[in-house]
Amino acid sequence: MTAQLIIFYLLGAATVLSSLGVVLTRNVVHAAFMLLVALLAVAGIFLVAVAEFLALAQILIYGGAVTVVVLFAIMLTRTDDQPRADHSQRALAMLAAIGVFGLLVVAFVVSDVASLESATGVATDGETGFENLALGLFTDWAIPFEMASLVLLVALIGAIMLARNLEDGE
């Protein structure tokens, strides 16, 4: 077993364990930090797979921006008495999660990985493909990208407004 494979397994285990921590913890702030650990471990997996751009995007977009927005929303909308996450549909949610996991395992086992190698989009003629990605981001996907940032901004402003209304007693 190579060192690269060992690192991959360790990062995969860290991703799974921190994802379980997100789901199983009752403290919302701890769940947000576990989410950050899971996202950073996925970035490590991308690095092991020699996908540096995806690792960088994972760290900047998900590890940084999304986690910060989640933490701000938690801090700004938090009340003194935190409601517990005990729901009557917990067993149904667990059954649905196990079913989705089973479907993913079956899809992985049935798929032919050798035929998927040509669909990865990795250029073999010496180009990295970043030029096409940058051109696509700044031409075809510029407006959806900016709309997503506006949605996050509106969510943050909404969290601030909700927190102010709760403090004023309205």
C-alpha atoms as a PDB file:
ATOM      1  CA  MET A   1       0.000   0.000   0.000  1.00  0.00           C
ATOM      2  CA  THR A   2       1.417   3.373  -1.000  1.00  0.00           C
ATOM      3  CA  ALA A   3       1.589   6.475   1.178  1.00  0.00           C
ATOM      4  CA  GLN A   4      -0.858   8.199  -1.153  1.00  0.00           C
ATOM      5  CA  LEU A   5      -3.449   5.483  -0.580  1.00  0.00           C
ATOM      6  CA  ILE A   6      -2.961   5.606   3.190  1.00  0.00           C
ATOM      7  CA  ILE A   7      -3.463   9.393   3.169  1.00  0.00           C
ATOM      8  CA  PHE A   8      -6.574   8.924   1.031  1.00  0.00           C
ATOM      9  CA  TYR A   9      -8.037   6.430   3.514  1.00  0.00           C
ATOM     10  CA  LEU A  10      -7.217   8.687   6.473  1.00  0.00           C
ATOM     11  CA  LEU A  11      -8.841  11.693   4.808  1.00  0.00           C
ATOM     12  CA  GLY A  12     -11.848   9.581   3.842  1.00  0.00           C
ATOM     13  CA  ALA A  13     -12.232   8.409   7.439  1.00  0.00           C
ATOM     14  CA  ALA A  14     -11.925  12.007   8.671  1.00  0.00           C
ATOM     15  CA  THR A  15     -14.609  13.070   6.208  1.00  0.00           C
ATOM     16  CA  VAL A  16     -17.009  10.328   7.269  1.00  0.00           C
ATOM     17  CA  LEU A  17     -16.414  10.814  11.001  1.00  0.00           C
ATOM     18  CA  SER A  18     -16.789  14.588  10.879  1.00  0.00           C
ATOM     19  CA  SER A  19     -19.912  14.229   8.721  1.00  0.00           C
ATOM     20  CA  LEU A  20     -21.345  11.939  11.362  1.00  0.00           C
ATOM     21  CA  GLY A  21     -20.410  14.578  13.923  1.00  0.00           C
ATOM     22  CA  VAL A  22     -22.411  17.150  11.954  1.00  0.00           C
ATOM     23  CA  VAL A  23     -25.474  14.954  11.972  1.00  0.00           C
ATOM     24  CA  LEU A  24     -25.251  13.551  15.478  1.00  0.00           C
ATOM     25  CA  THR A  25     -24.252  16.561  17.572  1.00  0.00           C
ATOM     26  CA  ARG A  26     -26.938  18.607  19.285  1.00  0.00           C
ATOM     27  CA  ASN A  27     -24.892  21.810  19.468  1.00  0.00           C
ATOM     28  CA  VAL A  28     -25.282  23.857  16.304  1.00  0.00           C
ATOM     29  CA  VAL A  29     -21.910  25.592  16.604  1.00  0.00           C
ATOM     30  CA  HIS A  30     -20.121  22.250  17.026  1.00  0.00           C
ATOM     31  CA  ALA A  31     -21.976  20.992  13.953  1.00  0.00           C
ATOM     32  CA  ALA A  32     -20.738  23.987  11.950  1.00  0.00           C
ATOM     33  CA  PHE A  33     -17.137  23.302  12.977  1.00  0.00           C
ATOM     34  CA  MET A  34     -17.522  19.612  12.131  1.00  0.00           C
ATOM     35  CA  LEU A  35     -18.827  20.708   8.729  1.00  0.00           C
ATOM     36  CA  LEU A  36     -15.669  22.765   8.259  1.00  0.00           C
ATOM     37  CA  VAL A  37     -13.512  19.725   9.123  1.00  0.00           C
ATOM     38  CA  ALA A  38     -15.459  17.573   6.644  1.00  0.00           C
ATOM     39  CA  LEU A  39     -15.088  20.145   3.872  1.00  0.00           C
ATOM     40  CA  LEU A  40     -11.354  20.528   4.499  1.00  0.00           C
ATOM     41  CA  ALA A  41     -10.905  16.747   4.478  1.00  0.00           C
ATOM     42  CA  VAL A  42     -12.658  16.628   1.099  1.00  0.00           C
ATOM     43  CA  ALA A  43     -10.197  19.278  -0.108  1.00  0.00           C
ATOM     44  CA  GLY A  44      -7.405  16.982   1.062  1.00  0.00           C
ATOM     45  CA  ILE A  45      -8.924  14.136  -0.933  1.00  0.00           C
ATOM     46  CA  PHE A  46      -8.907  16.384  -3.990  1.00  0.00           C
ATOM     47  CA  LEU A  47      -5.223  17.107  -3.388  1.00  0.00           C
ATOM     48  CA  VAL A  48      -4.436  13.394  -3.160  1.00  0.00           C
ATOM     49  CA  ALA A  49      -6.309  12.911  -6.444  1.00  0.00           C
ATOM     50  CA  VAL A  50      -4.130  15.641  -8.024  1.00  0.00           C
ATOM     51  CA  ALA A  51      -7.062  17.994  -8.537  1.00  0.00           C
ATOM     52  CA  GLU A  52      -5.479  21.137  -7.156  1.00  0.00           C
ATOM     53  CA  PHE A  53      -8.072  23.516  -8.565  1.00  0.00           C
ATOM     54  CA  LEU A  54     -10.942  21.598  -6.990  1.00  0.00           C
ATOM     55  CA  ALA A  55      -9.089  21.516  -3.665  1.00  0.00           C
ATOM     56  CA  LEU A  56      -8.560  25.269  -3.798  1.00  0.00           C
ATOM     57  CA  ALA A  57     -12.190  25.885  -4.741  1.00  0.00           C
ATOM     58  CA  GLN A  58     -13.308  23.544  -1.944  1.00  0.00           C
ATOM     59  CA  ILE A  59     -11.269  25.456   0.628  1.00  0.00           C
ATOM     60  CA  LEU A  60     -12.161  28.952  -0.571  1.00  0.00           C
ATOM     61  CA  ILE A  61     -15.817  28.501  -1.423  1.00  0.00           C
ATOM     62  CA  TYR A  62     -17.050  25.810   0.931  1.00  0.00           C
ATOM     63  CA  GLY A  63     -14.498  25.813   3.719  1.00  0.00           C
ATOM     64  CA  GLY A  64     -14.362  29.575   3.894  1.00  0.00           C
ATOM     65  CA  ALA A  65     -17.410  31.350   2.617  1.00  0.00           C
ATOM     66  CA  VAL A  66     -20.209  28.883   3.308  1.00  0.00           C
ATOM     67  CA  THR A  67     -18.970  27.985   6.792  1.00  0.00           C
ATOM     68  CA  VAL A  68     -18.577  31.655   7.718  1.00  0.00           C
ATOM     69  CA  VAL A  69     -22.105  32.416   6.511  1.00  0.00           C
ATOM     70  CA  VAL A  70     -23.459  29.451   8.498  1.00  0.00           C
ATOM     71  CA  LEU A  71     -21.637  30.588  11.638  1.00  0.00           C
ATOM     72  CA  PHE A  72     -22.850  34.176  11.216  1.00  0.00           C
ATOM     73  CA  ALA A  73     -26.412  32.973  10.731  1.00  0.00           C
ATOM     74  CA  ILE A  74     -26.135  30.810  13.853  1.00  0.00           C
ATOM     75  CA  MET A  75     -24.658  33.604  15.945  1.00  0.00           C
ATOM     76  CA  LEU A  76     -27.110  36.221  14.770  1.00  0.00           C
ATOM     77  CA  THR A  77     -30.275  34.151  15.108  1.00  0.00           C
ATOM     78  CA  ARG A  78     -29.413  32.365  18.331  1.00  0.00           C
ATOM     79  CA  THR A  79     -31.790  32.682  21.264  1.00  0.00           C
ATOM     80  CA  ASP A  80     -31.146  32.016  24.942  1.00  0.00           C
ATOM     81  CA  ASP A  81     -32.918  28.674  25.065  1.00  0.00           C
ATOM     82  CA  GLN A  82     -31.704  26.445  22.298  1.00  0.00           C
ATOM     83  CA  PRO A  83     -34.331  24.009  21.008  1.00  0.00           C
ATOM     84  CA  ARG A  84     -33.360  20.361  21.009  1.00  0.00           C
ATOM     85  CA  ALA A  85     -33.225  18.481  17.742  1.00  0.00           C
ATOM     86  CA  ASP A  86     -35.540  15.670  18.860  1.00  0.00           C
ATOM     87  CA  HIS A  87     -38.018  14.999  16.103  1.00  0.00           C
ATOM     88  CA  SER A  88     -40.651  12.352  15.660  1.00  0.00           C
ATOM     89  CA  GLN A  89     -39.375  11.626  12.139  1.00  0.00           C
ATOM     90  CA  ARG A  90     -35.882  10.619  13.235  1.00  0.00           C
ATOM     91  CA  ALA A  91     -36.395   6.929  12.381  1.00  0.00           C
ATOM     92  CA  LEU A  92     -37.772   7.794   8.951  1.00  0.00           C
ATOM     93  CA  ALA A  93     -34.812  10.101   8.277  1.00  0.00           C
ATOM     94  CA  MET A  94     -32.379   7.372   9.309  1.00  0.00           C
ATOM     95  CA  LEU A  95     -34.125   4.884   7.029  1.00  0.00           C
ATOM     96  CA  ALA A  96     -33.965   7.349   4.130  1.00  0.00           C
ATOM     97  CA  ALA A  97     -30.253   8.001   4.762  1.00  0.00           C
ATOM     98  CA  ILE A  98     -29.476   4.276   4.827  1.00  0.00           C
ATOM     99  CA  GLY A  99     -31.453   3.836   1.603  1.00  0.00           C
ATOM    100  CA  VAL A 100     -29.559   6.620  -0.176  1.00  0.00           C
ATOM    101  CA  PHE A 101     -26.256   5.220   1.075  1.00  0.00           C
ATOM    102  CA  GLY A 102     -27.242   1.781  -0.242  1.00  0.00           C
ATOM    103  CA  LEU A 103     -28.091   3.245  -3.641  1.00  0.00           C
ATOM    104  CA  LEU A 104     -24.723   5.010  -3.788  1.00  0.00           C
ATOM    105  CA  VAL A 105     -22.889   1.800  -2.899  1.00  0.00           C
ATOM    106  CA  VAL A 106     -24.788  -0.147  -5.565  1.00  0.00           C
ATOM    107  CA  ALA A 107     -24.092   2.569  -8.156  1.00  0.00           C
ATOM    108  CA  PHE A 108     -20.393   2.500  -7.281  1.00  0.00           C
ATOM    109  CA  VAL A 109     -20.166  -1.287  -7.459  1.00  0.00           C
ATOM    110  CA  VAL A 110     -22.079  -1.535 -10.737  1.00  0.00           C
ATOM    111  CA  SER A 111     -20.228   1.311 -12.484  1.00  0.00           C
ATOM    112  CA  ASP A 112     -17.284   0.588 -14.720  1.00  0.00           C
ATOM    113  CA  VAL A 113     -14.483   2.899 -13.591  1.00  0.00           C
ATOM    114  CA  ALA A 114     -12.328   2.199 -16.654  1.00  0.00           C
ATOM    115  CA  SER A 115     -14.972   3.626 -18.986  1.00  0.00           C
ATOM    116  CA  LEU A 116     -15.295   6.750 -16.822  1.00  0.00           C
ATOM    117  CA  GLU A 117     -11.649   7.760 -17.223  1.00  0.00           C
ATOM    118  CA  SER A 118     -12.388   9.449 -20.547  1.00  0.00           C
ATOM    119  CA  ALA A 119     -15.224  11.446 -18.977  1.00  0.00           C
ATOM    120  CA  THR A 120     -13.076  13.196 -16.356  1.00  0.00           C
ATOM    121  CA  GLY A 121     -12.359  16.152 -18.602  1.00  0.00           C
ATOM    122  CA  VAL A 122      -8.612  16.039 -18.035  1.00  0.00           C
ATOM    123  CA  ALA A 123      -6.811  17.303 -21.086  1.00  0.00           C
ATOM    124  CA  THR A 124      -4.122  14.992 -22.424  1.00  0.00           C
ATOM    125  CA  ASP A 125      -2.537  17.327 -24.954  1.00  0.00           C
ATOM    126  CA  GLY A 126      -0.501  19.315 -22.410  1.00  0.00           C
ATOM    127  CA  GLU A 127      -3.286  21.754 -21.508  1.00  0.00           C
ATOM    128  CA  THR A 128      -4.694  21.814 -17.998  1.00  0.00           C
ATOM    129  CA  GLY A 129      -8.175  22.891 -18.947  1.00  0.00           C
ATOM    130  CA  PHE A 130      -8.054  25.949 -16.673  1.00  0.00           C
ATOM    131  CA  GLU A 131      -8.318  28.262 -19.642  1.00  0.00           C
ATOM    132  CA  ASN A 132     -11.638  26.725 -20.673  1.00  0.00           C
ATOM    133  CA  LEU A 133     -12.847  26.744 -17.079  1.00  0.00           C
ATOM    134  CA  ALA A 134     -11.955  30.418 -16.613  1.00  0.00           C
ATOM    135  CA  LEU A 135     -13.536  31.342 -19.924  1.00  0.00           C
ATOM    136  CA  GLY A 136     -16.717  29.502 -18.966  1.00  0.00           C
ATOM    137  CA  LEU A 137     -16.861  31.039 -15.486  1.00  0.00           C
ATOM    138  CA  PHE A 138     -16.416  34.596 -16.695  1.00  0.00           C
ATOM    139  CA  THR A 139     -18.655  34.351 -19.769  1.00  0.00           C
ATOM    140  CA  ASP A 140     -21.380  31.723 -19.509  1.00  0.00           C
ATOM    141  CA  TRP A 141     -21.603  31.392 -15.702  1.00  0.00           C
ATOM    142  CA  ALA A 142     -20.828  34.939 -14.516  1.00  0.00           C
ATOM    143  CA  ILE A 143     -24.449  35.894 -13.830  1.00  0.00           C
ATOM    144  CA  PRO A 144     -25.376  32.655 -11.952  1.00  0.00           C
ATOM    145  CA  PHE A 145     -22.185  32.986  -9.886  1.00  0.00           C
ATOM    146  CA  GLU A 146     -23.059  36.555  -8.908  1.00  0.00           C
ATOM    147  CA  MET A 147     -26.661  35.541  -8.183  1.00  0.00           C
ATOM    148  CA  ALA A 148     -25.425  32.881  -5.759  1.00  0.00           C
ATOM    149  CA  SER A 149     -23.342  35.484  -3.927  1.00  0.00           C
ATOM    150  CA  LEU A 150     -26.379  37.773  -3.755  1.00  0.00           C
ATOM    151  CA  VAL A 151     -28.498  34.954  -2.310  1.00  0.00           C
ATOM    152  CA  LEU A 152     -25.890  34.423   0.423  1.00  0.00           C
ATOM    153  CA  LEU A 153     -25.822  38.160   1.121  1.00  0.00           C
ATOM    154  CA  VAL A 154     -29.620  38.328   1.375  1.00  0.00           C
ATOM    155  CA  ALA A 155     -29.585  35.345   3.753  1.00  0.00           C
ATOM    156  CA  LEU A 156     -27.048  37.088   5.978  1.00  0.00           C
ATOM    157  CA  ILE A 157     -29.057  40.337   5.975  1.00  0.00           C
ATOM    158  CA  GLY A 158     -32.217  38.362   6.759  1.00  0.00           C
ATOM    159  CA  ALA A 159     -30.493  36.677   9.710  1.00  0.00           C
ATOM    160  CA  ILE A 160     -29.444  40.088  11.036  1.00  0.00           C
ATOM    161  CA  MET A 161     -32.978  41.431  10.695  1.00  0.00           C
ATOM    162  CA  LEU A 162     -34.437  38.406  12.457  1.00  0.00           C
ATOM    163  CA  ALA A 163     -31.937  38.745  15.282  1.00  0.00           C
ATOM    164  CA  ARG A 164     -32.744  42.434  15.732  1.00  0.00           C
ATOM    165  CA  ASN A 165     -36.488  41.781  15.790  1.00  0.00           C
ATOM    166  CA  LEU A 166     -36.040  39.078  18.441  1.00  0.00           C
ATOM    167  CA  GLU A 167     -33.963  41.402  20.626  1.00  0.00           C
ATOM    168  CA  ASP A 168     -36.489  44.234  20.343  1.00  0.00           C
ATOM    169  CA  GLY A 169     -39.318  41.906  21.352  1.00  0.00           C
ATOM    170  CA  GLU A 170     -41.260  42.347  18.139  1.00  0.00           C
END
